[in-house]
Protein backbone atom coordinates (compact mmCIF):
# COMPACT_ATOMS: atom_id res chain seq x y z
CA UNK A 1 -35.63 48.16 -61.35
CA UNK A 2 -35.40 44.46 -60.34
CA UNK A 3 -32.16 42.55 -59.74
CA UNK A 4 -32.47 40.62 -62.94
CA UNK A 5 -31.44 43.74 -64.83
CA UNK A 6 -28.26 44.03 -62.87
CA UNK A 7 -27.60 40.36 -63.46
CA UNK A 8 -27.88 40.82 -67.17
CA UNK A 9 -25.46 43.72 -67.33
CA UNK A 10 -22.40 41.52 -67.46
CA UNK A 11 -21.28 38.98 -70.14
CA UNK A 12 -21.80 35.33 -69.46
CA UNK A 13 -18.38 34.22 -68.86
CA UNK A 14 -15.74 35.15 -66.25
CA UNK A 15 -13.43 38.04 -67.41
CA UNK A 16 -9.57 37.65 -67.32
CA UNK A 17 -8.17 41.06 -66.63
CA UNK A 18 -5.43 40.81 -69.18
CA UNK A 19 -7.90 40.38 -71.97
CA UNK A 20 -9.22 43.93 -71.35
CA UNK A 21 -7.24 46.73 -73.05
CA UNK A 22 -7.88 49.36 -70.53
CA UNK A 23 -6.63 47.17 -67.84
CA UNK A 24 -3.43 46.47 -69.62
CA UNK A 25 -3.07 50.20 -70.30
CA UNK A 26 -3.07 51.01 -66.63
CA UNK A 27 -0.95 48.10 -65.56
CA UNK A 28 1.61 48.99 -68.34
CA UNK A 29 1.51 52.68 -67.16
CA UNK A 30 2.28 51.50 -63.55
CA UNK A 31 5.13 49.46 -64.86
CA UNK A 32 6.54 52.31 -66.80
CA UNK A 33 6.30 54.83 -63.84
CA UNK A 34 7.52 52.69 -61.10
CA UNK A 35 9.66 49.93 -62.81
CA UNK A 36 7.81 46.97 -61.42
CA UNK A 37 4.53 44.97 -61.67
CA UNK A 38 1.57 46.23 -59.81
CA UNK A 39 1.23 44.35 -56.48
CA UNK A 40 -2.10 43.47 -54.61
CA UNK A 41 -1.54 46.34 -52.22
CA UNK A 42 -0.87 48.96 -54.97
CA UNK A 43 -3.45 51.37 -56.02
CA UNK A 44 -4.96 50.78 -59.39
CA UNK A 45 -5.80 54.44 -59.90
CA UNK A 46 -2.40 55.68 -58.99
CA UNK A 47 -1.18 59.28 -58.97
CA UNK A 48 1.24 59.62 -61.97
CA UNK A 49 2.93 62.52 -60.42
CA UNK A 50 3.91 60.81 -57.31
CA UNK A 51 7.33 59.11 -56.96
CA UNK A 52 5.90 56.15 -55.04
CA UNK A 53 2.49 54.42 -55.81
CA UNK A 54 -0.12 56.70 -54.13
CA UNK A 55 -3.78 56.83 -54.78
CA UNK A 56 -5.11 59.81 -56.91
CA UNK A 57 -7.02 62.46 -54.96
CA UNK A 58 -10.54 62.98 -54.84
CA UNK A 59 -10.19 65.74 -57.43
CA UNK A 60 -9.40 63.03 -59.88
CA UNK A 61 -12.68 61.09 -59.33
CA UNK A 62 -13.83 61.83 -62.98
CA UNK A 63 -10.83 60.12 -64.24
CA UNK A 64 -11.71 56.93 -62.34
CA UNK A 65 -15.32 57.13 -63.48
CA UNK A 66 -14.28 57.57 -67.25
CA UNK A 67 -11.77 54.73 -66.90
CA UNK A 68 -14.28 52.42 -65.19
CA UNK A 69 -16.75 53.19 -67.89
CA UNK A 70 -14.35 52.21 -70.64
CA UNK A 71 -13.37 49.13 -68.73
CA UNK A 72 -17.27 48.37 -68.32
CA UNK A 73 -17.68 48.67 -72.19
CA UNK A 74 -14.85 46.36 -72.83
CA UNK A 75 -16.38 43.93 -70.35
CA UNK A 76 -19.62 43.89 -72.19
CA UNK A 77 -21.72 45.87 -69.60
CA UNK A 78 -24.92 47.20 -71.07
CA UNK A 79 -24.64 50.60 -72.64
CA UNK A 80 -27.59 51.92 -70.48
CA UNK A 81 -25.92 50.86 -67.37
CA UNK A 82 -22.65 52.55 -68.37
CA UNK A 83 -24.56 55.74 -69.14
CA UNK A 84 -26.25 55.56 -65.79
CA UNK A 85 -22.91 54.83 -63.99
CA UNK A 86 -21.49 57.99 -65.35
CA UNK A 87 -24.49 60.14 -65.19
CA UNK A 88 -24.85 59.17 -61.31
CA UNK A 89 -21.15 59.72 -60.67
CA UNK A 90 -20.41 56.11 -60.12
CA UNK A 91 -23.48 54.35 -58.82
CA UNK A 92 -23.92 50.84 -59.89
CA UNK A 93 -26.33 48.33 -58.38
CA UNK A 94 -25.05 44.86 -57.64
CA UNK A 95 -25.78 41.86 -55.69
CA UNK A 96 -23.23 42.67 -52.99
CA UNK A 97 -24.04 46.39 -52.80
CA UNK A 98 -27.67 47.40 -53.05
CA UNK A 99 -28.53 51.06 -53.71
CA UNK A 100 -30.68 52.87 -51.28
CA UNK A 101 -33.94 54.22 -52.41
CA UNK A 102 -32.65 57.65 -53.40
CA UNK A 103 -29.72 56.29 -55.34
CA UNK A 104 -32.04 53.73 -56.93
CA UNK A 105 -34.45 56.44 -58.14
CA UNK A 106 -31.46 58.34 -59.61
CA UNK A 107 -30.08 55.31 -61.31
CA UNK A 108 -33.53 54.45 -62.76
CA UNK A 109 -33.91 58.00 -63.93
CA UNK A 110 -30.58 57.78 -65.66
CA UNK A 111 -31.46 54.54 -67.40
CA UNK A 112 -34.76 56.12 -68.45
CA UNK A 113 -32.98 59.10 -69.75
CA UNK A 114 -30.61 56.83 -71.95
CA UNK A 115 -33.46 54.88 -73.26
CA UNK A 116 -35.34 58.18 -74.14
CA UNK A 117 -32.26 59.58 -75.92
CA UNK A 118 -31.87 56.24 -77.89
CA UNK A 119 -35.58 56.17 -78.85
CA UNK A 120 -35.20 59.86 -79.98
CA UNK A 121 -32.25 59.19 -82.06
CA UNK A 122 -33.90 56.16 -83.75
CA UNK A 123 -36.89 58.31 -84.75
CA UNK A 124 -34.67 60.88 -86.47
């Protein structure tokens, strides 16, 4: 996969977080839980059981991946990229964070799998 694909994953304009429903849901949940606005040092994926803002534990990684996938969909990220992100457990190539060779193979395989499923469903 070349970097051009990664650049095409996002919409053409800058996103404003408050325009994205899942972002608003999370900040509203924070506000309801802690009685204040989320600050820059507060965890976005906070533990809803904690009395003070704390990060969720590693056992909640699936929550974060699903949440980010919803966020990506609302932001206009390509469906194949979202599928690969979920399938690989959160891998996502970017200009600032390149994937190593093994991760890139895994990513490409997931994108290919998505395309195969899409092609198969179109033929039915």
